[in-house]
Amino acid sequence: MKHVSFFIVGIAVGLWSPLIAAPALGPTAVLNTPAVYVEVLTLVPGEGTGQHSIIPTEVGVVAEGEVILSSPNGREALRAGKAFSLPGLTPHDIRNESDRPAKIYVIAMKRCD
């Protein structure tokens, strides 16, 4: 089931990528409906989200560059093409420790109707 979910997320991200004309720093909402929230997050070298958590499950797909995901599960390096999933209310930080900008698509399912 996880493979199917990541496949669907990959297709969805591919469909939205043409809508983003120029890279923006920080989070930019791509889709915000009552059921789902999708944002593109561009982190410059040395920048991070700061430790945070959200109520729904959070899925992220690294589109460009490399980031470090820090959570109670440890630190994980994620390069372009890799994805992560965190249960709701999991404290985490996403940080760009590289020397190039990184772009991540973040998806949060608000509710499943």
Protein backbone atom coordinates (compact mmCIF):
# COMPACT_ATOMS: atom_id res chain seq x y z
CA MET A 1 0.00 0.00 0.00
CA LYS A 2 2.87 2.42 0.76
CA HIS A 3 4.24 2.00 -2.76
CA VAL A 4 0.86 2.89 -4.24
CA SER A 5 0.61 5.98 -2.00
CA PHE A 6 4.04 7.24 -3.02
CA PHE A 7 3.17 6.57 -6.68
CA ILE A 8 0.01 8.66 -6.35
CA VAL A 9 1.93 11.45 -4.56
CA GLY A 10 4.55 11.35 -7.33
CA ILE A 11 1.91 11.72 -10.01
CA ALA A 12 0.24 14.54 -8.10
CA VAL A 13 3.51 16.40 -7.63
CA GLY A 14 4.29 15.98 -11.33
CA LEU A 15 0.94 17.48 -12.26
CA TRP A 16 1.50 20.55 -10.07
CA SER A 17 5.12 21.27 -10.98
CA PRO A 18 4.26 23.29 -14.14
CA LEU A 19 2.14 25.61 -11.99
CA ILE A 20 5.22 26.84 -10.16
CA ALA A 21 6.86 29.41 -12.41
CA ALA A 22 9.79 30.53 -10.29
CA PRO A 23 11.30 29.10 -7.13
CA ALA A 24 10.13 30.88 -4.01
CA LEU A 25 11.95 30.82 -0.73
CA GLY A 26 10.05 29.41 2.21
CA PRO A 27 6.74 27.57 1.94
CA THR A 28 4.35 28.34 -0.90
CA ALA A 29 0.89 26.75 -0.89
CA VAL A 30 0.23 24.86 -4.12
CA LEU A 31 -3.13 23.40 -3.09
CA ASN A 32 -5.30 24.04 -0.04
CA THR A 33 -8.68 22.32 0.10
CA PRO A 34 -10.75 21.07 3.03
CA ALA A 35 -9.21 17.60 2.47
CA VAL A 36 -5.56 18.20 1.55
CA TYR A 37 -2.79 20.77 1.85
CA VAL A 38 0.22 20.77 -0.49
CA GLU A 39 3.13 23.19 -0.34
CA VAL A 40 6.47 23.57 -2.03
CA LEU A 41 9.26 24.48 0.35
CA THR A 42 12.57 25.88 -0.90
CA LEU A 43 15.40 25.91 1.64
CA VAL A 44 18.63 27.79 0.98
CA PRO A 45 21.88 26.31 2.35
CA GLY A 46 21.83 26.36 6.14
CA GLU A 47 18.08 26.98 6.38
CA GLY A 48 15.62 24.69 8.15
CA THR A 49 11.99 24.53 9.13
CA GLY A 50 12.68 24.49 12.85
CA GLN A 51 11.29 21.70 14.96
CA HIS A 52 7.55 21.48 14.49
CA SER A 53 4.69 19.00 14.20
CA ILE A 54 1.29 19.00 12.54
CA ILE A 55 -1.85 17.10 13.42
CA PRO A 56 -2.27 15.04 10.20
CA THR A 57 0.23 12.64 8.68
CA GLU A 58 2.89 14.52 6.72
CA VAL A 59 4.42 13.22 3.50
CA GLY A 60 7.33 14.93 1.80
CA VAL A 61 9.05 14.41 -1.54
CA VAL A 62 12.48 15.95 -2.16
CA ALA A 63 12.37 17.39 -5.67
CA GLU A 64 15.80 19.06 -5.78
CA GLY A 65 18.93 19.04 -3.65
CA GLU A 66 19.40 17.26 -0.34
CA VAL A 67 17.97 17.75 3.15
CA ILE A 68 18.35 16.24 6.58
CA LEU A 69 15.16 15.06 8.29
CA SER A 70 15.54 15.00 12.09
CA SER A 71 12.81 13.26 14.07
CA PRO A 72 12.51 10.91 17.06
CA ASN A 73 13.65 8.20 14.58
CA GLY A 74 17.04 9.95 14.18
CA ARG A 75 18.64 11.90 11.33
CA GLU A 76 18.08 10.83 7.74
CA ALA A 77 19.68 12.32 4.64
CA LEU A 78 17.20 12.59 1.79
CA ARG A 79 18.29 13.39 -1.78
CA ALA A 80 16.17 14.36 -4.77
CA GLY A 81 13.70 11.61 -5.58
CA LYS A 82 13.40 10.35 -1.99
CA ALA A 83 10.30 10.69 0.17
CA PHE A 84 9.37 10.56 3.84
CA SER A 85 6.21 10.02 5.85
CA LEU A 86 5.66 11.03 9.46
CA PRO A 87 2.65 10.22 11.65
CA GLY A 88 0.70 13.21 12.89
CA LEU A 89 2.11 15.07 15.90
CA THR A 90 5.66 13.80 15.26
CA PRO A 91 8.16 16.57 16.09
CA HIS A 92 10.66 17.05 13.26
CA ASP A 93 12.96 19.48 11.48
CA ILE A 94 13.88 19.54 7.80
CA ARG A 95 17.23 21.24 7.24
CA ASN A 96 19.39 21.97 4.21
CA GLU A 97 22.97 21.29 5.31
CA SER A 98 24.27 21.26 1.73
CA ASP A 99 25.73 24.07 -0.37
CA ARG A 100 22.82 24.13 -2.88
CA PRO A 101 19.14 25.10 -2.53
CA ALA A 102 16.72 22.26 -1.85
CA LYS A 103 13.06 21.97 -2.86
CA ILE A 104 10.58 19.74 -1.05
CA TYR A 105 6.89 19.12 -1.74
CA VAL A 106 5.00 18.60 1.53
CA ILE A 107 1.56 16.98 1.57
CA ALA A 108 -0.79 16.86 4.58
CA MET A 109 -4.06 14.98 4.43
CA LYS A 110 -6.54 17.00 6.47
CA ARG A 111 -9.33 14.45 6.18
CA CYS A 112 -10.26 11.45 4.09
CA ASP A 113 -13.81 11.59 2.80
